[in-house]
Protein backbone atom coordinates (compact mmCIF):
# COMPACT_ATOMS: atom_id res chain seq x y z
CA MET A 1 34.08 2.13 40.83
CA GLU A 2 37.53 0.52 40.68
CA LYS A 3 37.61 -1.00 37.22
CA TYR A 4 41.36 -1.56 36.99
CA LYS A 5 42.25 -2.85 40.45
CA TYR A 6 43.89 -6.19 41.15
CA TYR A 7 42.00 -8.00 43.90
CA ASN A 8 43.54 -10.56 46.26
CA LEU A 9 42.83 -12.36 49.54
CA LYS A 10 42.92 -9.07 51.46
CA ASN A 11 39.72 -8.08 49.61
CA VAL A 12 37.67 -11.16 50.60
CA GLY A 13 34.16 -10.16 51.66
CA GLU A 14 34.14 -6.89 49.67
CA LYS A 15 31.31 -6.06 47.27
CA VAL A 16 32.56 -5.11 43.80
CA GLU A 17 31.23 -3.97 40.44
CA LEU A 18 33.26 -4.83 37.34
CA TYR A 19 32.99 -4.23 33.61
CA GLY A 20 34.76 -6.09 30.83
CA TRP A 21 34.74 -8.78 28.19
CA VAL A 22 34.05 -12.48 28.50
CA ALA A 23 37.43 -14.10 27.88
CA ARG A 24 35.92 -17.56 28.43
CA ALA A 25 32.73 -19.08 29.84
CA ARG A 26 32.54 -22.68 31.11
CA ASN A 27 29.68 -24.76 32.51
CA LEU A 28 31.17 -27.42 34.81
CA GLY A 29 28.37 -29.60 36.03
CA GLY A 30 26.07 -26.83 37.10
CA LEU A 31 28.53 -24.15 38.15
CA ILE A 32 29.26 -21.57 35.46
CA PHE A 33 32.69 -19.96 35.50
CA ILE A 34 33.22 -16.72 33.60
CA ASP A 35 36.70 -15.31 33.01
CA LEU A 36 36.11 -11.56 32.96
CA ARG A 37 38.84 -9.58 31.24
CA ASN A 38 39.53 -5.85 31.34
CA ARG A 39 42.62 -3.68 31.50
CA SER A 40 43.63 -4.98 34.91
CA GLY A 41 43.67 -8.59 33.69
CA ILE A 42 41.38 -11.56 34.25
CA VAL A 43 39.27 -12.44 37.27
CA GLN A 44 37.02 -15.49 37.63
CA VAL A 45 33.30 -15.02 38.25
CA VAL A 46 31.27 -17.97 39.55
CA VAL A 47 27.50 -18.36 38.94
CA ARG A 48 25.60 -21.00 40.93
CA PRO A 49 22.52 -22.86 39.61
CA GLU A 50 20.18 -21.16 42.08
CA ASN A 51 21.35 -17.69 40.96
CA GLU A 52 18.58 -15.67 39.25
CA PHE A 53 21.06 -14.71 36.48
CA TYR A 54 22.06 -18.32 35.79
CA ASN A 55 20.19 -18.56 32.45
CA LEU A 56 21.68 -15.29 31.22
CA ALA A 57 25.16 -16.45 32.27
CA SER A 58 24.71 -19.69 30.36
CA GLU A 59 24.15 -17.71 27.12
CA LEU A 60 27.41 -15.73 27.36
CA LYS A 61 30.02 -16.22 24.64
CA SER A 62 33.56 -15.00 24.10
CA GLU A 63 33.99 -11.21 23.86
CA TYR A 64 30.47 -10.35 25.03
CA VAL A 65 30.63 -7.11 27.04
CA ILE A 66 29.17 -7.48 30.53
CA ARG A 67 28.75 -5.79 33.90
CA VAL A 68 28.94 -7.92 37.01
CA GLN A 69 28.36 -7.30 40.69
CA GLY A 70 29.35 -9.74 43.38
CA ILE A 71 31.25 -10.54 46.52
CA ILE A 72 34.94 -11.47 46.60
CA VAL A 73 35.49 -14.96 48.00
CA GLU A 74 38.56 -17.15 48.35
CA ARG A 75 39.00 -19.47 45.42
CA GLU A 76 39.17 -23.20 46.16
CA SER A 77 41.27 -24.08 43.12
CA LYS A 78 43.77 -21.21 42.95
CA ASN A 79 45.52 -20.09 39.74
CA LEU A 80 48.81 -18.48 40.74
CA ASN A 81 49.49 -17.50 37.12
CA LEU A 82 46.85 -14.77 37.48
CA ALA A 83 47.25 -11.65 39.61
CA SER A 84 43.73 -12.25 40.96
CA GLY A 85 44.07 -16.05 40.86
CA GLU A 86 43.53 -16.58 44.60
CA ILE A 87 40.02 -15.13 44.62
CA GLU A 88 36.83 -15.18 42.56
CA ILE A 89 33.64 -13.12 42.36
CA ASP A 90 30.47 -14.76 43.65
CA LEU A 91 27.91 -13.21 41.27
CA THR A 92 24.96 -11.23 42.63
CA ASN A 93 24.06 -9.24 39.50
CA LEU A 94 24.79 -9.60 35.77
CA GLU A 95 24.06 -7.31 32.83
CA LEU A 96 24.74 -8.13 29.17
CA ILE A 97 25.84 -4.81 27.66
CA ASN A 98 26.74 -5.96 24.15
CA LYS A 99 27.18 -9.11 22.09
CA SER A 100 30.05 -10.00 19.75
CA LYS A 101 30.25 -11.70 16.37
CA ASP A 102 32.29 -14.87 16.05
CA LEU A 103 35.94 -13.85 16.16
CA PRO A 104 38.34 -14.09 13.18
CA PHE A 105 40.99 -15.44 15.60
CA THR A 106 41.24 -16.48 19.22
CA ILE A 107 42.30 -13.72 21.59
CA THR A 108 45.19 -15.37 23.42
CA ASP A 109 48.82 -14.40 23.83
CA ASP A 110 49.92 -17.53 21.99
CA THR A 111 47.61 -16.97 19.02
CA THR A 112 48.57 -18.68 15.76
CA ALA A 113 46.72 -16.13 13.63
CA LEU A 114 48.68 -14.62 10.74
CA GLU A 115 50.00 -11.13 11.38
CA ASP A 116 48.04 -9.71 8.43
CA THR A 117 44.82 -11.03 9.98
CA ARG A 118 45.70 -9.54 13.34
CA LEU A 119 46.56 -6.18 11.74
CA LYS A 120 43.25 -6.16 9.84
CA TYR A 121 41.43 -6.61 13.16
CA ARG A 122 43.93 -4.65 15.23
CA TYR A 123 41.25 -3.50 17.70
CA LEU A 124 40.79 -7.18 18.59
CA ASP A 125 44.51 -7.92 18.58
CA LEU A 126 45.04 -5.17 21.16
CA ARG A 127 42.80 -7.04 23.59
CA ARG A 128 45.59 -9.61 24.01
CA ASP A 129 47.47 -9.14 27.27
CA ASN A 130 50.96 -9.02 25.75
CA LEU A 131 50.08 -6.13 23.41
CA LYS A 132 48.05 -4.36 26.09
CA ASN A 133 51.03 -4.60 28.43
CA ILE A 134 53.27 -3.05 25.75
CA LEU A 135 50.89 -0.09 25.47
CA VAL A 136 51.11 0.30 29.25
CA LEU A 137 54.92 0.12 29.05
CA ARG A 138 54.99 2.75 26.30
CA ASN A 139 52.79 5.01 28.41
CA ASN A 140 55.12 4.52 31.38
CA ILE A 141 58.17 5.37 29.26
CA THR A 142 56.70 8.68 28.08
CA PHE A 143 55.54 9.47 31.62
CA ALA A 144 59.04 8.75 32.98
CA ALA A 145 60.57 10.95 30.27
CA ARG A 146 58.29 13.89 31.04
CA LYS A 147 58.92 13.47 34.77
CA PHE A 148 62.68 13.48 34.15
CA PHE A 149 62.69 16.58 31.94
CA ASN A 150 60.34 18.56 34.13
CA SER A 151 62.67 17.95 37.07
CA LEU A 152 65.45 19.63 35.07
CA ASP A 153 63.42 22.68 33.95
CA PHE A 154 63.03 21.60 30.31
CA LEU A 155 60.07 23.06 28.39
CA GLU A 156 57.89 20.78 26.24
CA VAL A 157 57.27 22.71 23.03
CA GLU A 158 55.29 21.47 20.02
CA THR A 159 56.73 22.12 16.57
CA PRO A 160 54.86 22.14 13.22
CA ILE A 161 53.71 18.99 11.44
CA LEU A 162 53.12 20.87 8.19
CA CYS A 163 56.48 22.36 7.25
CA LYS A 164 58.86 23.05 4.37
CA SER A 165 60.41 20.23 2.38
CA THR A 166 64.17 20.19 3.01
CA PRO A 167 65.21 16.72 1.77
CA GLU A 168 68.82 16.00 2.63
CA GLY A 169 68.38 12.43 3.78
CA ALA A 170 65.26 10.27 3.56
CA ARG A 171 62.42 11.10 1.19
CA ASP A 172 59.76 13.51 2.47
CA TYR A 173 56.05 12.82 2.64
CA LEU A 174 54.40 15.68 0.72
CA VAL A 175 51.06 17.36 1.43
CA PRO A 176 49.52 19.48 -1.37
CA SER A 177 48.18 22.89 -0.39
CA ARG A 178 44.59 23.75 -1.34
CA VAL A 179 45.03 27.48 -0.70
CA ASN A 180 48.37 27.74 -2.51
CA LYS A 181 47.84 25.44 -5.49
CA GLY A 182 50.98 23.87 -6.92
CA LYS A 183 52.80 24.24 -3.61
CA PHE A 184 53.40 21.60 -0.97
CA TYR A 185 54.00 21.11 2.71
CA ALA A 186 56.18 18.26 3.92
CA LEU A 187 55.67 16.13 7.00
CA PRO A 188 58.74 16.51 9.25
CA GLN A 189 61.43 13.84 9.23
CA SER A 190 62.32 15.30 12.62
CA PRO A 191 61.86 18.67 14.39
CA GLN A 192 65.56 19.39 13.72
CA ILE A 193 65.41 22.90 12.31
CA PHE A 194 62.61 24.03 14.61
CA LYS A 195 64.30 22.85 17.78
CA GLN A 196 67.46 24.69 16.75
CA LEU A 197 65.37 27.81 16.14
CA LEU A 198 64.00 27.40 19.67
CA MET A 199 67.59 27.65 20.90
CA VAL A 200 67.99 30.88 18.91
CA SER A 201 64.73 31.97 20.58
CA GLY A 202 66.24 31.54 24.04
CA VAL A 203 64.22 28.50 25.18
CA GLU A 204 67.56 26.93 26.27
CA ARG A 205 66.10 23.55 27.33
CA TYR A 206 63.51 21.96 25.05
CA TYR A 207 61.96 18.54 24.72
CA GLN A 208 59.04 17.04 22.84
CA ILE A 209 57.43 13.65 22.26
CA ALA A 210 57.52 14.27 18.53
CA LYS A 211 55.84 12.56 15.57
CA CYS A 212 58.20 12.11 12.60
CA PHE A 213 57.72 10.83 9.05
CA ARG A 214 60.04 9.30 6.46
CA ASP A 215 59.02 7.91 3.11
CA GLU A 216 61.58 5.11 2.96
CA ASP A 217 61.73 1.34 2.59
CA LEU A 218 60.54 -0.40 5.73
CA ARG A 219 61.91 -3.26 7.83
CA ALA A 220 61.16 -5.02 11.11
CA ASP A 221 62.31 -2.07 13.26
CA ARG A 222 61.15 0.82 11.05
CA GLN A 223 57.79 2.48 10.29
CA PRO A 224 56.85 5.35 7.93
CA GLU A 225 55.62 7.35 10.93
CA PHE A 226 57.44 7.08 14.21
CA THR A 227 57.83 8.89 17.51
CA GLN A 228 60.96 10.22 19.14
CA ILE A 229 61.80 11.82 22.45
CA ASP A 230 63.38 14.98 21.07
CA VAL A 231 65.78 17.13 23.10
CA GLU A 232 67.84 20.30 22.56
CA MET A 233 69.96 22.40 24.94
CA SER A 234 71.94 25.61 24.73
CA PHE A 235 75.43 26.27 26.12
CA VAL A 236 76.47 22.61 26.23
CA ASP A 237 79.25 20.43 24.85
CA GLU A 238 79.18 16.76 23.81
CA GLU A 239 79.70 15.45 27.32
CA GLY A 240 76.94 17.67 28.69
CA VAL A 241 74.40 16.36 26.20
CA MET A 242 75.44 12.73 26.63
CA GLU A 243 75.23 13.09 30.40
CA VAL A 244 71.60 14.20 30.19
CA GLY A 245 70.87 11.54 27.56
CA GLU A 246 72.19 8.63 29.60
CA GLN A 247 70.55 9.91 32.77
CA LEU A 248 67.25 9.97 30.88
CA VAL A 249 67.71 6.39 29.66
CA ALA A 250 68.77 5.19 33.12
CA SER A 251 65.73 6.88 34.63
CA ILE A 252 63.41 5.21 32.09
CA PHE A 253 64.95 1.77 32.70
CA LYS A 254 64.58 2.21 36.47
CA GLU A 255 61.06 3.65 36.41
CA THR A 256 59.59 1.16 33.92
CA LYS A 257 61.52 -2.08 34.46
CA GLY A 258 63.28 -1.67 37.81
CA ILE A 259 66.65 -2.10 36.05
CA ASP A 260 69.67 -0.19 37.35
CA ILE A 261 71.94 1.14 34.60
CA LYS A 262 75.48 1.92 35.68
CA LEU A 263 76.59 5.41 34.67
CA PRO A 264 78.50 6.86 32.96
CA LEU A 265 77.96 4.65 29.94
CA MET A 266 80.89 3.28 28.00
CA ARG A 267 82.17 5.49 25.14
CA MET A 268 83.46 3.99 21.90
CA LYS A 269 84.66 5.92 18.87
CA TYR A 270 83.04 5.17 15.51
CA ASP A 271 86.26 3.85 13.96
CA GLU A 272 86.80 1.42 16.85
CA ALA A 273 83.21 0.17 16.59
CA ILE A 274 83.66 -0.54 12.89
CA ASP A 275 87.07 -2.17 13.40
CA LYS A 276 85.97 -4.50 16.21
CA TYR A 277 82.31 -5.11 15.46
CA GLY A 278 81.75 -4.13 11.82
CA SER A 279 78.92 -1.82 12.82
CA ASP A 280 78.29 1.63 14.27
CA LYS A 281 75.71 -0.02 16.55
CA PRO A 282 77.69 -2.89 18.10
CA ASP A 283 75.98 -5.57 20.16
CA LEU A 284 78.22 -6.09 23.20
CA ARG A 285 76.23 -8.89 24.82
CA PHE A 286 78.66 -11.42 23.35
CA GLY A 287 82.30 -11.45 22.20
CA MET A 288 83.41 -12.63 18.77
CA GLU A 289 85.28 -9.41 17.93
CA ILE A 290 86.59 -8.96 14.41
CA LYS A 291 90.37 -9.44 14.21
CA ASP A 292 92.71 -8.10 11.54
CA ILE A 293 94.92 -10.92 10.22
CA THR A 294 96.12 -9.15 7.06
CA GLU A 295 99.80 -9.24 8.06
CA VAL A 296 99.65 -12.98 8.75
CA PHE A 297 99.29 -13.44 4.98
CA LYS A 298 101.75 -10.81 3.76
CA GLU A 299 103.87 -13.51 2.10
CA THR A 300 101.11 -15.98 1.29
CA ASP A 301 101.02 -18.16 -1.79
CA PHE A 302 97.22 -18.30 -1.66
CA THR A 303 96.20 -16.29 -4.73
CA VAL A 304 93.02 -14.76 -3.32
CA PHE A 305 94.71 -13.37 -0.19
CA LYS A 306 97.83 -12.41 -2.13
CA ASN A 307 95.79 -10.27 -4.53
CA VAL A 308 93.90 -8.65 -1.66
CA TYR A 309 97.16 -7.80 0.12
CA GLU A 310 98.73 -6.33 -3.02
CA GLU A 311 95.60 -4.24 -3.71
CA LYS A 312 95.73 -2.74 -0.17
CA GLY A 313 92.64 -4.63 0.96
CA ILE A 314 92.23 -6.32 4.34
CA ILE A 315 91.86 -9.88 5.62
CA ASN A 316 89.75 -10.17 8.80
CA ALA A 317 88.42 -13.03 10.89
CA ILE A 318 86.09 -13.91 13.71
CA VAL A 319 86.68 -16.86 16.04
CA VAL A 320 83.58 -18.86 16.95
CA LYS A 321 84.57 -20.53 20.20
CA ASN A 322 83.94 -24.25 20.63
CA ALA A 323 81.95 -24.45 17.38
CA ALA A 324 84.15 -26.42 14.96
CA ASP A 325 81.84 -29.44 15.09
CA LYS A 326 78.63 -27.41 15.02
CA TYR A 327 78.87 -26.29 11.40
CA SER A 328 78.90 -28.79 8.56
CA ARG A 329 80.10 -28.02 5.06
CA LYS A 330 76.47 -27.41 4.08
CA ASP A 331 76.04 -25.00 6.99
CA LEU A 332 79.22 -23.14 6.01
CA ASP A 333 77.98 -22.88 2.42
CA LYS A 334 74.86 -21.14 3.80
CA LEU A 335 77.05 -18.73 5.77
CA THR A 336 79.00 -18.03 2.58
CA GLU A 337 75.78 -17.10 0.78
CA PHE A 338 74.87 -14.90 3.75
CA VAL A 339 78.06 -12.81 3.59
CA LYS A 340 77.66 -12.49 -0.17
CA THR A 341 74.50 -10.46 0.48
CA TYR A 342 76.89 -7.90 1.97
CA LYS A 343 78.95 -7.99 -1.28
CA ALA A 344 81.69 -10.23 0.15
CA THR A 345 83.26 -12.44 -2.55
CA GLY A 346 83.38 -15.48 -0.27
CA LEU A 347 83.96 -16.94 3.18
CA ALA A 348 87.06 -18.96 4.09
CA TYR A 349 87.09 -21.18 7.17
CA LEU A 350 89.36 -23.24 9.38
CA LYS A 351 88.38 -25.86 11.96
CA PHE A 352 90.80 -26.52 14.81
CA GLN A 353 89.84 -30.01 15.97
CA ASP A 354 92.12 -33.03 16.52
CA GLU A 355 93.32 -32.18 13.06
CA ILE A 356 93.14 -28.80 11.36
CA SER A 357 90.87 -28.65 8.31
CA GLY A 358 89.18 -26.02 6.23
CA SER A 359 88.73 -24.43 2.84
CA ILE A 360 92.17 -22.74 2.87
CA PHE A 361 94.13 -25.14 5.06
CA LYS A 362 96.05 -26.78 2.22
CA ALA A 363 97.05 -23.37 0.83
CA MET A 364 98.58 -22.22 4.12
CA LYS A 365 102.16 -22.52 5.31
CA GLU A 366 102.96 -24.00 8.72
CA ALA A 367 104.30 -20.62 9.87
CA GLU A 368 101.05 -18.92 8.85
CA ILE A 369 99.00 -21.42 10.84
CA GLU A 370 101.14 -20.92 13.94
CA GLU A 371 100.99 -17.14 13.60
CA LEU A 372 97.21 -17.31 13.14
CA LYS A 373 96.86 -19.38 16.30
CA LYS A 374 98.87 -16.79 18.18
CA VAL A 375 97.09 -13.71 16.81
CA LEU A 376 93.60 -15.17 17.26
CA GLU A 377 94.34 -17.01 20.52
CA ILE A 378 92.85 -20.17 19.07
CA GLU A 379 91.87 -23.08 21.29
CA ALA A 380 90.72 -26.62 20.58
CA ARG A 381 87.40 -26.92 18.72
CA ASP A 382 87.41 -23.28 17.56
CA LEU A 383 85.99 -22.30 14.18
CA VAL A 384 87.68 -19.44 12.30
CA LEU A 385 85.73 -17.57 9.61
CA ILE A 386 87.61 -15.23 7.27
CA VAL A 387 86.54 -12.56 4.79
CA SER A 388 88.93 -10.57 2.59
CA GLY A 389 88.57 -7.60 0.26
CA LYS A 390 87.69 -3.91 0.57
CA ARG A 391 87.55 -2.64 4.14
CA ASN A 392 83.91 -1.55 4.18
CA ILE A 393 82.71 -4.84 2.70
CA VAL A 394 84.84 -7.00 5.02
CA LYS A 395 83.72 -5.14 8.14
CA ALA A 396 80.03 -5.06 7.20
CA SER A 397 79.85 -8.75 6.26
CA LEU A 398 81.69 -10.00 9.35
CA GLY A 399 79.74 -7.60 11.57
CA ALA A 400 76.45 -9.06 10.31
CA LEU A 401 77.84 -12.61 10.49
CA ARG A 402 78.84 -12.34 14.17
CA CYS A 403 75.30 -11.28 15.07
CA LYS A 404 73.77 -14.10 13.04
CA LEU A 405 76.04 -16.69 14.69
CA ALA A 406 75.33 -15.34 18.18
CA LYS A 407 71.59 -15.87 17.62
CA GLU A 408 72.08 -19.33 16.08
CA LEU A 409 74.34 -20.47 18.92
CA GLU A 410 72.15 -18.82 21.58
CA LEU A 411 75.02 -16.73 22.95
CA ILE A 412 72.74 -13.81 23.84
CA ASP A 413 71.15 -13.40 27.25
CA LYS A 414 67.82 -11.76 26.41
CA ASN A 415 67.56 -10.34 29.92
CA ASP A 416 70.91 -8.58 29.56
CA TYR A 417 71.19 -4.94 28.47
CA LYS A 418 74.45 -3.54 27.12
CA LEU A 419 74.46 0.20 26.48
CA LEU A 420 77.13 2.50 25.10
CA TRP A 421 77.72 5.76 23.29
CA VAL A 422 79.32 5.58 19.85
CA THR A 423 81.07 8.91 19.27
CA ASP A 424 83.17 10.79 16.71
CA PHE A 425 81.18 9.89 13.61
CA PRO A 426 82.49 10.91 10.18
CA SER A 427 81.11 14.22 8.98
CA PHE A 428 80.51 12.82 5.50
CA GLU A 429 79.71 9.55 3.77
CA TRP A 430 80.12 8.84 0.07
CA SER A 431 76.90 8.30 -1.88
CA GLU A 432 77.22 6.11 -4.97
CA GLU A 433 73.75 7.22 -6.04
CA GLU A 434 74.51 10.95 -5.77
CA ASN A 435 78.20 10.55 -6.68
CA ARG A 436 79.18 12.98 -3.95
CA PHE A 437 79.81 13.23 -0.23
CA MET A 438 76.61 13.52 1.82
CA ALA A 439 76.16 14.58 5.43
CA CYS A 440 76.57 11.51 7.65
CA HIS A 441 73.99 12.88 10.11
CA HIS A 442 72.61 16.18 8.78
CA PRO A 443 74.08 19.44 7.43
CA PHE A 444 73.91 21.19 10.82
CA THR A 445 76.29 18.85 12.67
CA MET A 446 79.35 20.57 14.10
CA PRO A 447 82.70 19.14 12.90
CA LYS A 448 85.44 18.42 15.40
CA ASP A 449 87.38 21.62 16.08
CA GLU A 450 90.53 20.17 14.52
CA ASP A 451 88.64 19.19 11.33
CA VAL A 452 86.90 22.48 10.49
CA ASP A 453 89.74 23.49 8.17
CA LYS A 454 89.47 20.16 6.31
CA LEU A 455 85.80 20.42 5.34
CA LEU A 456 86.61 21.40 1.76
CA THR A 457 89.94 19.64 1.31
CA ASP A 458 89.81 16.27 3.10
CA LYS A 459 86.18 15.21 3.51
CA ALA A 460 86.99 11.53 3.95
CA ASN A 461 88.89 12.31 7.15
CA CYS A 462 86.56 14.82 8.79
CA TYR A 463 84.88 13.81 12.04
CA SER A 464 81.97 15.40 13.85
CA LYS A 465 80.70 16.10 17.35
CA ALA A 466 78.05 13.42 16.88
CA TYR A 467 77.05 10.55 19.12
CA ASP A 468 74.60 7.63 19.07
CA ILE A 469 73.31 5.70 22.05
CA VAL A 470 73.32 1.98 21.28
CA ILE A 471 71.36 -0.67 23.18
CA ASN A 472 71.88 -4.37 22.41
CA GLY A 473 72.93 -3.73 18.83
CA TYR A 474 70.18 -1.22 18.06
CA GLU A 475 70.64 2.50 17.52
CA ALA A 476 68.24 3.70 20.21
CA GLY A 477 68.94 7.37 19.58
CA GLY A 478 71.54 9.91 18.72
CA GLY A 479 72.41 13.52 18.22
CA SER A 480 75.16 16.07 17.87
CA ILE A 481 76.46 19.48 18.75
CA ARG A 482 75.05 21.83 16.10
CA ILE A 483 76.78 24.45 14.01
CA HIS A 484 76.05 27.84 15.56
CA ASP A 485 78.65 29.79 13.60
CA GLU A 486 77.33 31.24 10.33
CA LYS A 487 80.71 30.89 8.59
CA VAL A 488 81.15 27.23 9.56
CA GLN A 489 77.61 26.54 8.36
CA GLU A 490 78.39 28.24 5.06
CA THR A 491 81.52 26.09 4.68
CA MET A 492 79.52 22.94 5.44
CA PHE A 493 77.00 23.79 2.74
CA LYS A 494 79.85 24.28 0.27
CA ALA A 495 81.33 20.93 1.29
CA LEU A 496 77.99 19.34 0.51
CA GLU A 497 78.05 21.04 -2.91
CA LEU A 498 74.86 22.98 -2.30
CA THR A 499 74.45 26.01 -4.55
CA GLU A 500 73.46 29.43 -3.18
CA GLU A 501 70.07 28.97 -4.83
CA LYS A 502 69.56 25.57 -3.23
CA ILE A 503 70.68 26.81 0.19
CA GLU A 504 68.27 29.73 -0.04
CA SER A 505 65.34 27.63 -1.23
CA LYS A 506 65.88 24.88 1.36
CA PHE A 507 67.30 26.60 4.41
CA GLY A 508 67.13 30.35 3.78
CA PHE A 509 65.03 31.17 6.85
CA PHE A 510 67.27 29.03 9.04
CA VAL A 511 70.53 30.51 7.77
CA GLU A 512 69.07 33.96 8.38
CA ALA A 513 68.31 33.00 12.01
CA LEU A 514 71.98 32.13 12.62
CA LYS A 515 72.82 35.81 12.08
CA TYR A 516 70.89 36.95 15.14
CA GLY A 517 72.98 35.82 18.10
CA CYS A 518 72.74 32.05 17.87
CA PRO A 519 73.99 30.33 21.07
CA PRO A 520 76.12 27.17 20.97
CA HIS A 521 73.72 24.26 21.27
CA GLY A 522 73.26 20.54 20.81
CA GLY A 523 70.81 17.77 21.44
CA PHE A 524 69.68 14.25 20.76
CA ALA A 525 66.60 12.16 20.07
CA LEU A 526 65.61 8.76 21.41
CA GLY A 527 63.43 6.55 19.23
CA LEU A 528 60.39 5.92 21.45
CA ASP A 529 59.19 2.99 19.34
CA ARG A 530 62.58 1.30 19.29
CA LEU A 531 63.21 1.93 23.00
CA THR A 532 59.81 0.42 23.82
CA MET A 533 60.62 -2.53 21.56
CA LEU A 534 63.86 -3.19 23.45
CA LEU A 535 62.28 -2.91 26.89
CA ALA A 536 59.32 -5.06 25.82
CA GLY A 537 61.62 -7.81 24.56
CA THR A 538 60.18 -7.95 21.05
CA ASP A 539 62.03 -7.57 17.74
CA ASN A 540 58.99 -6.35 15.80
CA ILE A 541 58.37 -2.60 15.84
CA ARG A 542 54.71 -3.18 14.95
CA ASP A 543 54.15 -4.75 18.38
CA VAL A 544 54.77 -1.42 20.14
CA ILE A 545 52.59 0.82 17.97
CA ALA A 546 48.84 0.82 18.50
CA PHE A 547 47.92 1.00 14.82
CA PRO A 548 51.02 0.20 12.74
CA LYS A 549 51.66 -0.09 9.02
CA THR A 550 52.80 -3.21 7.19
CA ALA A 551 56.13 -3.57 5.39
CA SER A 552 54.44 -2.05 2.33
CA ALA A 553 53.41 1.03 4.37
CA SER A 554 49.73 -0.01 4.37
CA ASP A 555 47.18 0.00 7.17
CA LEU A 556 45.18 -3.19 6.63
CA MET A 557 42.56 -2.18 9.18
CA SER A 558 41.56 1.21 7.74
CA GLU A 559 42.66 0.25 4.21
CA CYS A 560 44.99 3.17 3.65
CA PRO A 561 46.59 4.52 1.60
CA ASN A 562 43.55 4.64 -0.66
CA THR A 563 42.12 6.58 -3.56
CA VAL A 564 40.42 9.96 -3.15
CA ASP A 565 37.62 11.38 -5.25
CA GLN A 566 38.10 13.80 -8.12
CA MET A 567 36.74 16.76 -6.17
CA GLN A 568 39.49 16.38 -3.56
CA LEU A 569 42.12 16.28 -6.31
CA ASP A 570 40.63 19.35 -7.98
CA ASP A 571 40.65 21.23 -4.65
CA VAL A 572 44.43 20.90 -4.41
CA GLY A 573 45.06 21.28 -8.14
CA LEU A 574 46.40 17.77 -8.76
CA LYS A 575 45.95 15.46 -11.72
CA LEU A 576 47.01 11.82 -11.50
CA LYS A 577 49.19 10.35 -14.21
């Protein structure tokens, strides 16, 4: 019984048996046409007035479950939008298997139903072709990944879901223990420690399609539980890991979408990415690079820029080509409010039309204008947008602004894929909340060889053997070479201001393992959800997960999280405040 086969003109005359749902039933002057839908798509079934099942067919409604038998015939009025649109099934037998209530929304790809309604009835939402096709794509991605790794002698090894809480990043989800009251498991933010222990164990080449959990604020491309393609290797350097990583991605693109990715991928250092694009995940599908124009205003009379220059800040700009007449003063005011969300104090602008105009034009000298034209390579009808202040604020605000403008001006080819590795990440980042330097990736990331001696004395200028793979402005994955030397790991813990007690309580078992012949090793992880999202052409992570959570981390369908009864709380020794 071939339930999921596409039929075409080559199958005319064949007898078939199909199961599925009634997508639509129409009575057109005697002939009844049933659109039968199952995983393979939609095929039309025709029922003639003389057919013994005509009365039953006339009672069918949307989403009734049926079984049909019939003969494939050529369709008179063909629908080339359907895979089986050149044929139809001439019904010989019909069975009504199950009825359906009236639907809360129409099951079509262009449904206007609110997302909350669709999430509440997710099992109905998944009947829509576009979501079903994403599930198929996700399956094909994981299949391609397993095929790739198995060809290179990697072992798929499962690691624990209930593990020790070692928070040094996002907040852990905690699970109370019934047997050991007052103690807790944590759900893993990643298999990081376990996959490194597998390298100590001699596995050498590991991978896993791993479930991960982070109790953090959500957004369009983030969920509290997510899946990653997790990889670790022994006796490798950065280039070795990145080579396997990009070959994996290229293989997935080819196997699932037929897209050829040119290898090796471009490499860009973290500092260059921030300088040119204001982000460690630059979108390279369009230009609009950030330019430093600080020295143009070194002798300016404009108070704002003068103060920034004297306080060792920076003045940066982006040039929006051929857009001077596309942004009114009201539009520019909106852009100003946008950059202020990134803590910028304001947004200056210049329009180079028949006459030059702009918010700072009157405050500029003729020499400054000419120098600006030269530095920015300005042409007629260009719009120049300028932000000044502290480096991190200027870069972040202009980086976000260039992406916003590219979408507004439709500069992005959605069928284009630009991939690169961003390398040489800082080892540390300053946390205002903790008032200390934190690990930029995690505490087990190997510093650059030349920076090991600076871990305790010059944290702001330490870089690591870390790398992220970026696709179209999204961090699709990343990893690092790990610390395998016990002394370097001890120094890193000191740099992170972890006490001996804290090290022992959090990582004692892991530190102990490093003393037993730990090989040099490194790895990476690809976000399966995000990779599927990119290949599916959606910007909503919920579209690629069968049963996702909302932005408030709730499942509207199963109504969780929810309360539990007192007996369950007593079992684990918990009392609610």
